[in-house]
Amino acid sequence: MTTHTPVPSEPIRVVIGKPGLDGHDRGAKVIARALRDAGMEVIYTGLQQTPESIVDAAIQEDANGIGLSILSGAHLPLFTRVLELLREKQAEDIVVFGGGIIPEDDVPLLKELGVAEIFGPGTPLPSMVEWAREHLAGAG
């Protein structure tokens, strides 16, 4: 008699990007580490990346999600461009989320554009990890 051993589901893969000219990445690294410590595969693209390079990395890495960390105030054009590129490359199944210094008044507009979630300063890491587990599993 043979027994069936279930194949474990693949880990959630997340690309963490710092688009634009922002040179501060401590928060992005903290988030990357928290997601990694929770069992997710995290690809950190580094500082001062273009939306194009972040989207290309997510597609090449077969990512479930893209997390953008933006402190520069350029969140609207940067998120918009990432979402446009995902549509152009028929990769809209990759979930986009972000954090940083983003005015509360801009969060509804970002969500309307297609950003799944925005995490502000002080968001507890366990709640971000739980959100990622719930929203990124099966995406991408």
Protein backbone atom coordinates (compact mmCIF):
# COMPACT_ATOMS: atom_id res chain seq x y z
CA MET A 1 0.00 0.00 0.00
CA THR A 2 1.38 3.39 -0.93
CA THR A 3 0.72 6.46 1.06
CA HIS A 4 0.31 9.90 -0.35
CA THR A 5 2.62 12.51 1.07
CA PRO A 6 1.27 15.98 0.41
CA VAL A 7 3.66 18.32 -1.32
CA PRO A 8 4.26 21.39 0.86
CA SER A 9 3.01 24.59 -0.67
CA GLU A 10 5.67 26.83 -2.11
CA PRO A 11 6.86 29.65 0.13
CA ILE A 12 5.54 33.14 -0.42
CA ARG A 13 8.04 35.15 -2.47
CA VAL A 14 8.23 38.91 -1.92
CA VAL A 15 10.32 41.56 -3.64
CA ILE A 16 11.07 44.55 -1.39
CA GLY A 17 12.00 47.64 -3.35
CA LYS A 18 13.19 51.17 -2.62
CA PRO A 19 12.19 53.14 -5.72
CA GLY A 20 13.32 56.66 -6.43
CA LEU A 21 16.05 58.72 -4.87
CA ASP A 22 15.34 57.88 -1.23
CA GLY A 23 18.58 56.81 0.45
CA HIS A 24 17.24 55.45 3.74
CA ASP A 25 16.51 51.71 3.84
CA ARG A 26 16.45 50.70 7.49
CA GLY A 27 12.67 50.18 7.47
CA ALA A 28 12.79 48.15 4.27
CA LYS A 29 15.44 45.89 5.77
CA VAL A 30 13.44 45.43 8.98
CA ILE A 31 10.38 44.39 6.95
CA ALA A 32 12.47 42.10 4.74
CA ARG A 33 13.92 40.38 7.79
CA ALA A 34 10.51 39.98 9.45
CA LEU A 35 9.03 38.38 6.34
CA ARG A 36 12.08 36.15 5.92
CA ASP A 37 11.96 35.09 9.57
CA ALA A 38 8.31 34.15 9.01
CA GLY A 39 9.38 31.69 6.31
CA MET A 40 8.91 33.81 3.20
CA GLU A 41 11.50 34.17 0.46
CA VAL A 42 12.49 37.83 0.27
CA ILE A 43 14.40 39.52 -2.51
CA TYR A 44 15.61 43.01 -1.54
CA THR A 45 16.47 45.04 -4.63
CA GLY A 46 18.49 47.71 -2.83
CA LEU A 47 18.40 51.49 -2.80
CA GLN A 48 17.42 53.86 -5.58
CA GLN A 49 15.80 51.36 -7.91
CA THR A 50 13.55 52.22 -10.80
CA PRO A 51 9.99 50.94 -10.97
CA GLU A 52 11.10 49.02 -14.07
CA SER A 53 13.89 47.20 -12.25
CA ILE A 54 11.61 46.32 -9.33
CA VAL A 55 8.86 44.96 -11.59
CA ASP A 56 11.40 43.03 -13.69
CA ALA A 57 12.85 41.47 -10.52
CA ALA A 58 9.38 40.47 -9.31
CA ILE A 59 8.55 38.81 -12.62
CA GLN A 60 11.94 37.06 -12.87
CA GLU A 61 11.67 35.83 -9.28
CA ASP A 62 8.05 34.68 -9.75
CA ALA A 63 7.09 36.83 -6.77
CA ASN A 64 3.70 36.80 -5.09
CA GLY A 65 4.09 40.40 -4.00
CA ILE A 66 6.01 43.63 -4.28
CA GLY A 67 6.53 45.75 -1.19
CA LEU A 68 7.63 49.32 -1.80
CA SER A 69 9.23 51.46 0.88
CA ILE A 70 8.97 55.15 0.10
CA LEU A 71 10.04 58.02 2.31
CA SER A 72 10.73 60.65 -0.35
CA GLY A 73 7.21 61.94 -0.92
CA ALA A 74 7.12 60.53 -4.46
CA HIS A 75 4.76 57.70 -3.54
CA LEU A 76 1.96 58.59 -5.97
CA PRO A 77 4.02 58.53 -9.20
CA LEU A 78 6.15 55.58 -8.05
CA PHE A 79 3.25 53.31 -7.05
CA THR A 80 1.37 54.37 -10.18
CA ARG A 81 4.30 53.44 -12.41
CA VAL A 82 4.80 50.04 -10.76
CA LEU A 83 1.10 49.23 -11.23
CA GLU A 84 1.21 50.42 -14.87
CA LEU A 85 4.22 48.20 -15.58
CA LEU A 86 2.55 45.18 -14.00
CA ARG A 87 -0.48 45.74 -16.25
CA GLU A 88 1.71 46.21 -19.33
CA LYS A 89 3.59 42.98 -18.57
CA GLN A 90 0.38 41.09 -17.78
CA ALA A 91 1.56 40.49 -14.23
CA GLU A 92 -1.34 42.09 -12.37
CA ASP A 93 -1.60 39.02 -10.16
CA ILE A 94 1.47 40.26 -8.25
CA VAL A 95 0.11 42.04 -5.17
CA VAL A 96 1.55 45.51 -4.49
CA PHE A 97 1.77 46.88 -0.96
CA GLY A 98 3.92 49.48 0.68
CA GLY A 99 4.91 51.62 3.56
CA GLY A 100 6.98 54.54 4.65
CA ILE A 101 6.05 58.15 5.12
CA ILE A 102 2.79 58.33 3.20
CA PRO A 103 0.14 60.88 4.17
CA GLU A 104 -3.11 59.32 5.40
CA ASP A 105 -5.00 61.43 2.83
CA ASP A 106 -3.18 59.63 0.00
CA VAL A 107 -3.92 56.08 1.20
CA PRO A 108 -7.46 55.88 -0.27
CA LEU A 109 -6.18 57.08 -3.66
CA LEU A 110 -3.36 54.51 -3.61
CA LYS A 111 -5.83 51.75 -2.81
CA GLU A 112 -8.10 52.98 -5.59
CA LEU A 113 -5.14 52.72 -7.98
CA GLY A 114 -4.63 49.09 -6.96
CA VAL A 115 -2.25 49.13 -4.00
CA ALA A 116 -3.45 46.38 -1.67
CA GLU A 117 -2.25 47.86 1.62
CA ILE A 118 -0.19 50.69 3.08
CA PHE A 119 1.63 50.26 6.38
CA GLY A 120 2.59 53.39 8.24
CA PRO A 121 5.38 53.96 10.74
CA GLY A 122 4.90 51.96 13.92
CA THR A 123 2.83 49.19 12.35
CA PRO A 124 3.52 46.06 14.42
CA LEU A 125 5.63 43.55 12.48
CA PRO A 126 3.41 40.58 13.42
CA SER A 127 0.37 42.27 11.87
CA MET A 128 2.32 42.93 8.64
CA VAL A 129 3.48 39.31 8.51
CA GLU A 130 -0.07 38.06 9.07
CA TRP A 131 -1.36 40.37 6.34
CA ALA A 132 1.28 39.05 3.96
CA ARG A 133 0.37 35.43 4.73
CA GLU A 134 -3.30 36.14 4.13
CA HIS A 135 -2.96 38.24 0.97
CA LEU A 136 0.13 36.97 -0.81
CA ALA A 137 -0.28 33.19 -0.60
CA GLY A 138 -1.42 32.04 -4.03
CA ALA A 139 -0.83 35.42 -5.66
CA GLY A 140 1.74 36.06 -8.36
